Amino acid sequence: MKRTRLADAPCPIARSLDAVGDWWTLLILRDAMLGSTRFDAFQRGVGLATNMLARRLRALVEAGLLERHPYQQRPLRHEYRLTDKGRDFLPVLLAMAEWGNRWLMPEGAFRLVCKDSGATVRPLLVDRDSGRPIAAGRVAADMASHAGTHHTGTQHHTGTQHREDVR
């Protein structure tokens, strides 16, 4: 089955899914955020077959989330380091961890901790300008294209601006 490409979709969520849209890729990024850089470490952490892992690492490099750097010449071996674009994905992973911990994990089975203090970390999405927490029902998607077509959610409207609440 051929995968639908979303790289040119008018929605930033769809475009993000095009870059990182399968669970293996998210787990690779998780391990990279936790400090893994080498192929064998990713394979141990994710448990993916070598050919599939190589394909996903290559895709993450092509998407600009990871960079390849040689660490050994004979035989030539590379490590994979997060780019700025890759490090900017951390809030997405933290939000997923917080949601999964709240809704899918047994009580007390998992927690995020600050490496410096050991205190529990509870991610919260806040508006960068106001500093207020962002909540469902208070956010609207307003995706205007340069061609005069405005997109909200999965609906497309031409000529007039349309805003739809995200719930």
C-alpha atoms as a PDB file:
ATOM      1  CA  MET A   1       0.000   0.000   0.000  1.00  0.00           C
ATOM      2  CA  LYS A   2       1.460   3.345  -1.063  1.00  0.00           C
ATOM      3  CA  ARG A   3       1.622   6.047   1.575  1.00  0.00           C
ATOM      4  CA  THR A   4      -0.149   9.343   0.856  1.00  0.00           C
ATOM      5  CA  ARG A   5       2.286  12.269   0.881  1.00  0.00           C
ATOM      6  CA  LEU A   6       1.223  15.214   3.039  1.00  0.00           C
ATOM      7  CA  ALA A   7       4.276  17.463   2.554  1.00  0.00           C
ATOM      8  CA  ASP A   8       2.258  20.007   0.548  1.00  0.00           C
ATOM      9  CA  ALA A   9      -0.938  19.822   2.611  1.00  0.00           C
ATOM     10  CA  PRO A  10      -2.296  23.195   3.770  1.00  0.00           C
ATOM     11  CA  CYS A  11      -2.308  22.044   7.418  1.00  0.00           C
ATOM     12  CA  PRO A  12       0.847  22.139   9.603  1.00  0.00           C
ATOM     13  CA  ILE A  13      -0.308  19.033  11.484  1.00  0.00           C
ATOM     14  CA  ALA A  14      -0.597  17.094   8.214  1.00  0.00           C
ATOM     15  CA  ARG A  15       2.845  18.308   7.104  1.00  0.00           C
ATOM     16  CA  SER A  16       4.307  17.320  10.482  1.00  0.00           C
ATOM     17  CA  LEU A  17       2.814  13.850  10.126  1.00  0.00           C
ATOM     18  CA  ASP A  18       4.444  13.574   6.711  1.00  0.00           C
ATOM     19  CA  ALA A  19       7.837  14.086   8.369  1.00  0.00           C
ATOM     20  CA  VAL A  20       7.332  11.951  11.504  1.00  0.00           C
ATOM     21  CA  GLY A  21       4.058  10.133  10.971  1.00  0.00           C
ATOM     22  CA  ASP A  22       4.664   6.615  12.176  1.00  0.00           C
ATOM     23  CA  TRP A  23       5.252   5.206  15.636  1.00  0.00           C
ATOM     24  CA  TRP A  24       8.754   3.915  14.855  1.00  0.00           C
ATOM     25  CA  THR A  25       9.927   7.381  13.837  1.00  0.00           C
ATOM     26  CA  LEU A  26       8.504   8.891  17.021  1.00  0.00           C
ATOM     27  CA  LEU A  27      10.320   6.251  19.076  1.00  0.00           C
ATOM     28  CA  ILE A  28      13.584   6.996  17.262  1.00  0.00           C
ATOM     29  CA  LEU A  29      13.134  10.697  18.043  1.00  0.00           C
ATOM     30  CA  ARG A  30      12.333   9.802  21.657  1.00  0.00           C
ATOM     31  CA  ASP A  31      15.585   7.870  21.933  1.00  0.00           C
ATOM     32  CA  ALA A  32      17.523  10.671  20.225  1.00  0.00           C
ATOM     33  CA  MET A  33      16.088  13.153  22.757  1.00  0.00           C
ATOM     34  CA  LEU A  34      17.241  10.796  25.529  1.00  0.00           C
ATOM     35  CA  GLY A  35      20.785  10.799  24.134  1.00  0.00           C
ATOM     36  CA  SER A  36      21.024   7.908  21.659  1.00  0.00           C
ATOM     37  CA  THR A  37      23.154   8.703  18.615  1.00  0.00           C
ATOM     38  CA  ARG A  38      24.340   5.373  17.240  1.00  0.00           C
ATOM     39  CA  PHE A  39      22.540   2.842  15.086  1.00  0.00           C
ATOM     40  CA  ASP A  40      22.953  -0.016  17.565  1.00  0.00           C
ATOM     41  CA  ALA A  41      21.570   2.125  20.415  1.00  0.00           C
ATOM     42  CA  PHE A  42      18.507   3.012  18.337  1.00  0.00           C
ATOM     43  CA  GLN A  43      18.048  -0.642  17.436  1.00  0.00           C
ATOM     44  CA  ARG A  44      18.206  -1.705  21.103  1.00  0.00           C
ATOM     45  CA  GLY A  45      15.869   1.086  22.213  1.00  0.00           C
ATOM     46  CA  VAL A  46      13.299   0.788  19.447  1.00  0.00           C
ATOM     47  CA  GLY A  47      13.601  -2.888  18.488  1.00  0.00           C
ATOM     48  CA  LEU A  48      13.176  -2.288  14.769  1.00  0.00           C
ATOM     49  CA  ALA A  49      14.715  -4.486  12.036  1.00  0.00           C
ATOM     50  CA  THR A  50      17.976  -3.034  10.700  1.00  0.00           C
ATOM     51  CA  ASN A  51      16.657  -2.330   7.184  1.00  0.00           C
ATOM     52  CA  MET A  52      13.583  -0.522   8.548  1.00  0.00           C
ATOM     53  CA  LEU A  53      15.652   1.437  11.071  1.00  0.00           C
ATOM     54  CA  ALA A  54      18.109   2.481   8.340  1.00  0.00           C
ATOM     55  CA  ARG A  55      15.204   3.663   6.177  1.00  0.00           C
ATOM     56  CA  ARG A  56      13.662   5.724   8.979  1.00  0.00           C
ATOM     57  CA  LEU A  57      16.988   7.254  10.034  1.00  0.00           C
ATOM     58  CA  ARG A  58      17.604   8.219   6.390  1.00  0.00           C
ATOM     59  CA  ALA A  59      14.134   9.806   6.228  1.00  0.00           C
ATOM     60  CA  LEU A  60      14.788  11.782   9.434  1.00  0.00           C
ATOM     61  CA  VAL A  61      18.063  13.040   7.952  1.00  0.00           C
ATOM     62  CA  GLU A  62      16.283  14.003   4.710  1.00  0.00           C
ATOM     63  CA  ALA A  63      13.564  15.779   6.727  1.00  0.00           C
ATOM     64  CA  GLY A  64      16.248  17.761   8.568  1.00  0.00           C
ATOM     65  CA  LEU A  65      15.514  16.393  12.066  1.00  0.00           C
ATOM     66  CA  LEU A  66      18.775  14.432  12.339  1.00  0.00           C
ATOM     67  CA  GLU A  67      22.282  14.899  10.914  1.00  0.00           C
ATOM     68  CA  ARG A  68      24.762  12.116  10.129  1.00  0.00           C
ATOM     69  CA  HIS A  69      28.299  12.478  11.464  1.00  0.00           C
ATOM     70  CA  PRO A  70      31.099   9.928  11.026  1.00  0.00           C
ATOM     71  CA  TYR A  71      32.497   8.632  14.301  1.00  0.00           C
ATOM     72  CA  GLN A  72      34.643   5.787  12.928  1.00  0.00           C
ATOM     73  CA  GLN A  73      36.577   5.472   9.653  1.00  0.00           C
ATOM     74  CA  ARG A  74      37.258   1.710   9.344  1.00  0.00           C
ATOM     75  CA  PRO A  75      34.683   0.525   8.875  1.00  0.00           C
ATOM     76  CA  LEU A  76      32.929   3.833   8.245  1.00  0.00           C
ATOM     77  CA  ARG A  77      30.187   4.334  10.816  1.00  0.00           C
ATOM     78  CA  HIS A  78      27.955   7.318  11.470  1.00  0.00           C
ATOM     79  CA  GLU A  79      26.088   8.656  14.438  1.00  0.00           C
ATOM     80  CA  TYR A  80      22.844  10.582  14.233  1.00  0.00           C
ATOM     81  CA  ARG A  81      22.535  13.890  16.050  1.00  0.00           C
ATOM     82  CA  LEU A  82      19.461  16.025  16.503  1.00  0.00           C
ATOM     83  CA  THR A  83      19.352  19.259  14.536  1.00  0.00           C
ATOM     84  CA  ASP A  84      17.667  22.420  15.814  1.00  0.00           C
ATOM     85  CA  LYS A  85      14.584  21.265  13.914  1.00  0.00           C
ATOM     86  CA  GLY A  86      14.790  17.892  15.666  1.00  0.00           C
ATOM     87  CA  ARG A  87      15.271  19.438  19.112  1.00  0.00           C
ATOM     88  CA  ASP A  88      12.235  21.640  18.461  1.00  0.00           C
ATOM     89  CA  PHE A  89      10.183  18.411  18.345  1.00  0.00           C
ATOM     90  CA  LEU A  90      10.764  17.820  22.088  1.00  0.00           C
ATOM     91  CA  PRO A  91       7.550  19.589  23.209  1.00  0.00           C
ATOM     92  CA  VAL A  92       5.527  17.265  20.961  1.00  0.00           C
ATOM     93  CA  LEU A  93       7.102  14.181  22.563  1.00  0.00           C
ATOM     94  CA  LEU A  94       6.658  15.609  26.063  1.00  0.00           C
ATOM     95  CA  ALA A  95       2.994  16.361  25.360  1.00  0.00           C
ATOM     96  CA  MET A  96       2.510  12.802  24.094  1.00  0.00           C
ATOM     97  CA  ALA A  97       4.251  11.411  27.183  1.00  0.00           C
ATOM     98  CA  GLU A  98       2.053  13.490  29.487  1.00  0.00           C
ATOM     99  CA  TRP A  99      -1.133  12.462  27.650  1.00  0.00           C
ATOM    100  CA  GLY A 100      -0.112   8.783  27.552  1.00  0.00           C
ATOM    101  CA  ASN A 101       0.834   8.844  31.217  1.00  0.00           C
ATOM    102  CA  ARG A 102      -2.511  10.376  32.173  1.00  0.00           C
ATOM    103  CA  TRP A 103      -4.746   8.209  30.027  1.00  0.00           C
ATOM    104  CA  LEU A 104      -2.912   4.979  29.172  1.00  0.00           C
ATOM    105  CA  MET A 105      -0.447   4.096  31.942  1.00  0.00           C
ATOM    106  CA  PRO A 106      -1.134   2.612  35.384  1.00  0.00           C
ATOM    107  CA  GLU A 107      -0.936   5.168  38.201  1.00  0.00           C
ATOM    108  CA  GLY A 108       2.680   5.809  39.192  1.00  0.00           C
ATOM    109  CA  ALA A 109       4.199   3.650  36.425  1.00  0.00           C
ATOM    110  CA  PHE A 110       5.927   6.530  34.638  1.00  0.00           C
ATOM    111  CA  ARG A 111       7.010  10.069  35.274  1.00  0.00           C
ATOM    112  CA  LEU A 112       9.169  12.693  33.636  1.00  0.00           C
ATOM    113  CA  VAL A 113      11.857  14.069  35.932  1.00  0.00           C
ATOM    114  CA  CYS A 114      14.199  17.039  35.907  1.00  0.00           C
ATOM    115  CA  LYS A 115      17.795  15.775  35.564  1.00  0.00           C
ATOM    116  CA  ASP A 116      19.061  18.564  37.842  1.00  0.00           C
ATOM    117  CA  SER A 117      16.609  18.380  40.740  1.00  0.00           C
ATOM    118  CA  GLY A 118      14.866  15.028  40.341  1.00  0.00           C
ATOM    119  CA  ALA A 119      11.524  16.810  40.604  1.00  0.00           C
ATOM    120  CA  THR A 120       8.588  15.546  38.561  1.00  0.00           C
ATOM    121  CA  VAL A 121       8.097  17.467  35.321  1.00  0.00           C
ATOM    122  CA  ARG A 122       4.492  17.968  34.159  1.00  0.00           C
ATOM    123  CA  PRO A 123       4.433  19.554  30.687  1.00  0.00           C
ATOM    124  CA  LEU A 124       1.858  22.244  30.023  1.00  0.00           C
ATOM    125  CA  LEU A 125       1.236  23.938  26.696  1.00  0.00           C
ATOM    126  CA  VAL A 126       1.154  27.715  27.102  1.00  0.00           C
ATOM    127  CA  ASP A 127       0.756  30.596  24.695  1.00  0.00           C
ATOM    128  CA  ARG A 128       4.169  32.110  24.016  1.00  0.00           C
ATOM    129  CA  ASP A 129       2.842  35.693  23.960  1.00  0.00           C
ATOM    130  CA  SER A 130       0.373  35.693  26.868  1.00  0.00           C
ATOM    131  CA  GLY A 131       1.863  32.915  29.002  1.00  0.00           C
ATOM    132  CA  ARG A 132      -1.644  31.490  29.526  1.00  0.00           C
ATOM    133  CA  PRO A 133      -2.362  27.749  29.271  1.00  0.00           C
ATOM    134  CA  ILE A 134      -3.856  26.682  25.953  1.00  0.00           C
ATOM    135  CA  ALA A 135      -7.084  24.700  26.237  1.00  0.00           C
ATOM    136  CA  ALA A 136      -9.360  23.000  23.724  1.00  0.00           C
ATOM    137  CA  GLY A 137     -12.274  25.208  22.794  1.00  0.00           C
ATOM    138  CA  ARG A 138     -10.153  28.375  23.098  1.00  0.00           C
ATOM    139  CA  VAL A 139      -8.115  27.739  19.944  1.00  0.00           C
ATOM    140  CA  ALA A 140      -9.155  28.264  16.337  1.00  0.00           C
ATOM    141  CA  ALA A 141      -7.303  27.180  13.206  1.00  0.00           C
ATOM    142  CA  ASP A 142      -6.842  29.971  10.679  1.00  0.00           C
ATOM    143  CA  MET A 143      -4.858  28.699   7.704  1.00  0.00           C
ATOM    144  CA  ALA A 144      -4.803  31.276   4.947  1.00  0.00           C
ATOM    145  CA  SER A 145      -2.991  30.487   1.710  1.00  0.00           C
ATOM    146  CA  HIS A 146      -1.372  33.102  -0.478  1.00  0.00           C
ATOM    147  CA  ALA A 147      -3.775  32.249  -3.308  1.00  0.00           C
ATOM    148  CA  GLY A 148      -6.871  33.506  -1.499  1.00  0.00           C
ATOM    149  CA  THR A 149      -8.075  30.108  -0.336  1.00  0.00           C
ATOM    150  CA  HIS A 150      -8.470  29.668   3.367  1.00  0.00           C
ATOM    151  CA  HIS A 151      -8.392  26.261   5.009  1.00  0.00           C
ATOM    152  CA  THR A 152      -9.776  25.329   8.392  1.00  0.00           C
ATOM    153  CA  GLY A 153      -9.641  21.807   9.665  1.00  0.00           C
ATOM    154  CA  THR A 154     -10.587  19.580   6.758  1.00  0.00           C
ATOM    155  CA  GLN A 155     -12.923  22.130   5.188  1.00  0.00           C
ATOM    156  CA  HIS A 156     -11.752  24.346   2.315  1.00  0.00           C
ATOM    157  CA  HIS A 157     -13.255  27.753   1.595  1.00  0.00           C
ATOM    158  CA  THR A 158     -12.420  30.071  -1.289  1.00  0.00           C
ATOM    159  CA  GLY A 159     -12.638  33.824  -1.295  1.00  0.00           C
ATOM    160  CA  THR A 160     -13.729  34.520   2.282  1.00  0.00           C
ATOM    161  CA  GLN A 161     -11.957  33.982   5.531  1.00  0.00           C
ATOM    162  CA  HIS A 162     -13.449  31.257   7.683  1.00  0.00           C
ATOM    163  CA  ARG A 163     -12.506  30.362  11.245  1.00  0.00           C
ATOM    164  CA  GLU A 164     -13.456  27.125  12.895  1.00  0.00           C
ATOM    165  CA  ASP A 165     -12.960  26.317  16.564  1.00  0.00           C
ATOM    166  CA  VAL A 166     -10.732  23.338  17.278  1.00  0.00           C
ATOM    167  CA  ARG A 167     -12.413  21.177  19.891  1.00  0.00           C
END
